């Protein structure tokens, strides 16, 4: 089973759609992935990811699936509104500057910086929903491995967002979420490919083919951010 996590193109967050550059990025992405024989194409309910999927396959496929658990993760202190406090990337930056380290393993969920943030519950919820998806495709999570009840030798695309990609990929690879966020950014229209190999009845681990690959974008089409 080969899973492709694809971030949307450059967004206008106010309208939840792609900018002109974002559409150009999606068109370049489309050329790169057009020949991959995806058996399933899922996209987030949010407009920027849905539009990216439609630029790539809207004219050639009529079976694109809107999948609720692919929407961007939710953060913000539980006492306020969603997104009312710093996002995970900002929190990690502050952790490193003040501590010169980040929480190890799953201890991040109980860390003073985030224990009252709704992101903890949301991450756990998304991982459970992803486990159900994998189980329905023949791969049952047991500890840090997958039990293969039925091998699914297919390619599956997920058009989604940077945060949820970090959550699900780090979960599959057994890398703590906060550490993954630091070391593996997800750029616009970048592709992360995870491969799960093995035969029915065996146990297997998720493997990385590549992470955050945007080689389809020339420099002038990239979205660059200042530090």
Protein backbone atom coordinates (compact mmCIF):
# COMPACT_ATOMS: atom_id res chain seq x y z
CA UNK A 1 0.00 0.00 0.00
CA UNK A 2 1.45 3.32 -1.08
CA UNK A 3 0.14 6.47 0.57
CA UNK A 4 0.70 9.94 -0.88
CA UNK A 5 0.15 12.89 1.46
CA UNK A 6 -0.11 16.01 -0.70
CA UNK A 7 -0.32 19.51 0.72
CA UNK A 8 -2.52 22.07 -1.03
CA UNK A 9 -1.14 24.92 -3.12
CA UNK A 10 -0.45 28.42 -1.82
CA UNK A 11 -3.67 29.53 -0.11
CA UNK A 12 -5.64 32.66 0.52
CA UNK A 13 -6.74 31.69 4.02
CA UNK A 14 -9.39 34.44 4.12
CA UNK A 15 -11.30 32.83 1.24
CA UNK A 16 -10.06 29.26 1.82
CA UNK A 17 -9.00 29.00 -1.82
CA UNK A 18 -5.81 29.01 -3.86
CA UNK A 19 -3.99 32.14 -4.88
CA UNK A 20 -2.96 32.60 -8.50
CA UNK A 21 0.44 31.13 -7.63
CA UNK A 22 -1.30 28.31 -5.76
CA UNK A 23 -3.22 27.34 -8.90
CA UNK A 24 0.02 27.37 -10.89
CA UNK A 25 1.63 25.16 -8.26
CA UNK A 26 -1.30 22.73 -8.45
CA UNK A 27 -1.07 22.62 -12.24
CA UNK A 28 2.62 21.70 -12.03
CA UNK A 29 1.78 19.09 -9.42
CA UNK A 30 -0.89 17.66 -11.73
CA UNK A 31 1.68 17.07 -14.47
CA UNK A 32 3.89 15.22 -12.03
CA UNK A 33 1.28 12.82 -10.63
CA UNK A 34 -1.08 12.36 -13.60
CA UNK A 35 0.24 8.89 -14.43
CA UNK A 36 0.12 7.44 -10.91
CA UNK A 37 -2.73 4.89 -10.96
CA UNK A 38 -4.48 6.02 -7.78
CA UNK A 39 -7.19 3.59 -6.74
CA UNK A 40 -8.53 6.19 -4.30
CA UNK A 41 -8.21 9.98 -4.16
CA UNK A 42 -9.26 11.62 -0.90
CA UNK A 43 -9.34 15.32 -0.13
CA UNK A 44 -9.97 17.48 2.90
CA UNK A 45 -13.36 19.26 3.12
CA UNK A 46 -11.52 22.60 3.20
CA UNK A 47 -11.55 24.61 0.00
CA UNK A 48 -7.82 24.96 -0.58
CA UNK A 49 -7.21 21.20 -0.49
CA UNK A 50 -10.35 20.40 -2.46
CA UNK A 51 -9.38 22.91 -5.14
CA UNK A 52 -5.88 21.43 -5.39
CA UNK A 53 -7.36 17.96 -5.90
CA UNK A 54 -9.75 19.28 -8.54
CA UNK A 55 -6.98 21.04 -10.44
CA UNK A 56 -5.14 17.72 -10.56
CA UNK A 57 -7.99 15.30 -11.25
CA UNK A 58 -11.29 17.16 -11.57
CA UNK A 59 -11.37 16.75 -15.35
CA UNK A 60 -10.21 13.14 -15.47
CA UNK A 61 -11.81 11.48 -12.43
CA UNK A 62 -15.34 11.55 -11.05
CA UNK A 63 -14.60 9.57 -7.90
CA UNK A 64 -12.79 12.09 -5.69
CA UNK A 65 -13.76 11.53 -2.06
CA UNK A 66 -14.22 14.20 0.59
CA UNK A 67 -12.81 12.80 3.83
CA UNK A 68 -13.55 14.72 7.02
CA UNK A 69 -10.54 13.60 9.07
CA UNK A 70 -8.18 15.14 6.51
CA UNK A 71 -9.18 18.71 7.40
CA UNK A 72 -6.50 20.78 9.11
CA UNK A 73 -5.85 20.06 12.77
CA UNK A 74 -7.40 22.25 15.43
CA UNK A 75 -5.39 24.05 18.08
CA UNK A 76 -6.00 26.72 20.70
CA UNK A 77 -6.44 26.79 24.47
CA UNK A 78 -9.55 24.91 25.58
CA UNK A 79 -10.78 27.97 27.46
CA UNK A 80 -10.98 30.03 24.26
CA UNK A 81 -11.95 29.69 20.63
CA UNK A 82 -10.21 27.34 18.18
CA UNK A 83 -7.03 28.86 16.71
CA UNK A 84 -7.10 31.57 19.41
CA UNK A 85 -3.58 30.78 20.62
CA UNK A 86 -0.24 29.98 18.99
CA UNK A 87 -0.11 27.23 16.37
CA UNK A 88 2.08 24.13 16.89
CA UNK A 89 5.02 25.44 14.87
CA UNK A 90 5.19 28.62 16.95
CA UNK A 91 4.96 26.65 20.20
CA UNK A 92 7.80 24.39 19.13
CA UNK A 93 9.96 27.39 18.25
CA UNK A 94 9.38 28.87 21.70
CA UNK A 95 10.12 25.52 23.36
CA UNK A 96 13.46 25.25 21.60
CA UNK A 97 14.46 28.84 22.34
CA UNK A 98 13.63 28.56 26.04
CA UNK A 99 14.54 24.93 26.76
CA UNK A 100 16.86 24.00 23.91
CA UNK A 101 14.83 20.80 23.66
CA UNK A 102 11.33 19.47 23.12
CA UNK A 103 9.27 16.82 24.94
CA UNK A 104 10.30 13.23 24.30
CA UNK A 105 7.87 10.61 23.07
CA UNK A 106 4.21 10.98 23.98
CA UNK A 107 5.13 13.14 26.97
CA UNK A 108 4.34 16.19 24.80
CA UNK A 109 0.66 15.56 25.48
CA UNK A 110 1.17 16.25 29.19
CA UNK A 111 3.67 19.06 28.75
CA UNK A 112 2.82 22.38 30.41
CA UNK A 113 3.00 24.15 27.05
CA UNK A 114 0.22 22.15 25.41
CA UNK A 115 -1.67 20.06 27.99
CA UNK A 116 -4.57 22.54 27.99
CA UNK A 117 -4.60 22.92 24.21
CA UNK A 118 -7.31 21.28 22.14
CA UNK A 119 -4.63 19.98 19.75
CA UNK A 120 -3.94 17.02 22.07
CA UNK A 121 -7.48 15.68 21.79
CA UNK A 122 -7.65 16.44 18.08
CA UNK A 123 -4.42 14.59 17.29
CA UNK A 124 -5.64 11.52 19.21
CA UNK A 125 -9.00 11.65 17.40
CA UNK A 126 -7.42 11.87 13.95
CA UNK A 127 -5.06 8.98 14.63
CA UNK A 128 -8.00 6.79 15.68
CA UNK A 129 -9.90 7.73 12.52
CA UNK A 130 -6.85 6.96 10.43
CA UNK A 131 -6.48 3.60 12.19
CA UNK A 132 -10.05 2.79 11.15
CA UNK A 133 -9.27 3.72 7.55
CA UNK A 134 -6.21 1.49 7.55
CA UNK A 135 -8.12 -1.37 9.18
CA UNK A 136 -10.75 -1.16 6.44
CA UNK A 137 -7.95 -1.56 3.91
CA UNK A 138 -6.48 -4.61 5.64
CA UNK A 139 -3.86 -3.05 7.93
CA UNK A 140 -4.49 -3.28 11.67
CA UNK A 141 -2.36 -1.16 14.01
CA UNK A 142 -0.81 -3.18 16.82
CA UNK A 143 1.69 -1.27 18.91
CA UNK A 144 4.13 0.33 16.48
CA UNK A 145 3.50 -2.07 13.61
CA UNK A 146 0.71 -3.04 11.25
CA UNK A 147 -0.75 -6.53 11.06
CA UNK A 148 -1.58 -7.31 7.45
CA UNK A 149 -4.98 -9.00 7.35
CA UNK A 150 -5.24 -8.37 3.62
CA UNK A 151 -2.54 -6.86 1.44
CA UNK A 152 -3.75 -3.78 -0.46
CA UNK A 153 -1.30 -3.28 -3.33
CA UNK A 154 -2.66 0.07 -4.44
CA UNK A 155 -1.81 3.80 -4.53
CA UNK A 156 -3.89 6.18 -2.41
CA UNK A 157 -3.75 9.99 -2.52
CA UNK A 158 -4.60 12.36 0.32
CA UNK A 159 -4.91 16.03 -0.63
CA UNK A 160 -4.73 17.79 2.70
CA UNK A 161 -2.72 20.18 4.89
CA UNK A 162 0.63 20.60 6.58
CA UNK A 163 -0.58 19.96 10.11
CA UNK A 164 -2.64 16.84 9.51
CA UNK A 165 0.12 15.44 7.27
CA UNK A 166 2.59 15.86 10.14
CA UNK A 167 0.16 14.18 12.54
CA UNK A 168 -0.53 11.10 10.41
CA UNK A 169 2.94 10.59 8.96
CA UNK A 170 4.63 10.97 12.35
CA UNK A 171 2.10 8.51 13.79
CA UNK A 172 2.81 5.93 11.10
CA UNK A 173 6.57 6.31 11.60
CA UNK A 174 6.38 6.32 15.42
CA UNK A 175 8.07 9.73 15.62
CA UNK A 176 6.80 12.11 18.35
CA UNK A 177 4.60 14.78 16.78
CA UNK A 178 6.56 17.76 18.11
CA UNK A 179 9.87 16.39 16.86
CA UNK A 180 8.39 15.68 13.43
CA UNK A 181 7.03 19.22 13.19
CA UNK A 182 10.51 20.62 13.83
CA UNK A 183 12.44 18.49 11.36
CA UNK A 184 9.99 17.78 8.54
CA UNK A 185 8.20 20.85 7.14
CA UNK A 186 5.44 20.38 4.57
CA UNK A 187 5.68 22.92 1.75
CA UNK A 188 3.04 23.91 -0.79
CA UNK A 189 2.02 21.00 -3.08
CA UNK A 190 4.82 18.92 -1.57
CA UNK A 191 4.36 15.14 -1.65
CA UNK A 192 5.21 12.69 1.10
CA UNK A 193 5.10 9.03 0.09
CA UNK A 194 4.78 6.25 2.66
CA UNK A 195 5.07 2.61 1.63
CA UNK A 196 3.69 -0.33 3.59
CA UNK A 197 5.01 -3.62 2.26
CA UNK A 198 4.40 -7.21 3.21
CA UNK A 199 2.27 -10.26 2.74
CA UNK A 200 -0.99 -11.22 4.36
CA UNK A 201 -0.61 -12.61 7.86
CA UNK A 202 2.63 -10.80 8.61
CA UNK A 203 3.57 -7.69 10.56
CA UNK A 204 5.19 -4.71 8.91
CA UNK A 205 6.32 -1.14 9.55
CA UNK A 206 5.62 1.94 7.47
CA UNK A 207 8.57 3.03 5.35
CA UNK A 208 9.44 6.41 3.83
CA UNK A 209 10.00 6.71 0.10
CA UNK A 210 10.31 10.51 0.32
CA UNK A 211 9.14 13.41 2.49
CA UNK A 212 8.20 16.98 1.49
CA UNK A 213 9.21 16.56 -2.15
CA UNK A 214 8.31 19.53 -4.34
CA UNK A 215 10.75 18.95 -7.20
CA UNK A 216 7.94 19.77 -9.65
CA UNK A 217 8.16 23.45 -8.64
CA UNK A 218 10.79 25.73 -10.16
CA UNK A 219 12.24 28.24 -7.74
CA UNK A 220 10.07 31.12 -8.91
CA UNK A 221 6.90 29.09 -8.25
CA UNK A 222 7.78 28.14 -4.68
CA UNK A 223 6.15 29.82 -1.68
CA UNK A 224 8.98 31.15 0.45
CA UNK A 225 8.63 32.24 4.07
CA UNK A 226 10.89 34.44 6.14
CA UNK A 227 12.20 32.97 9.40
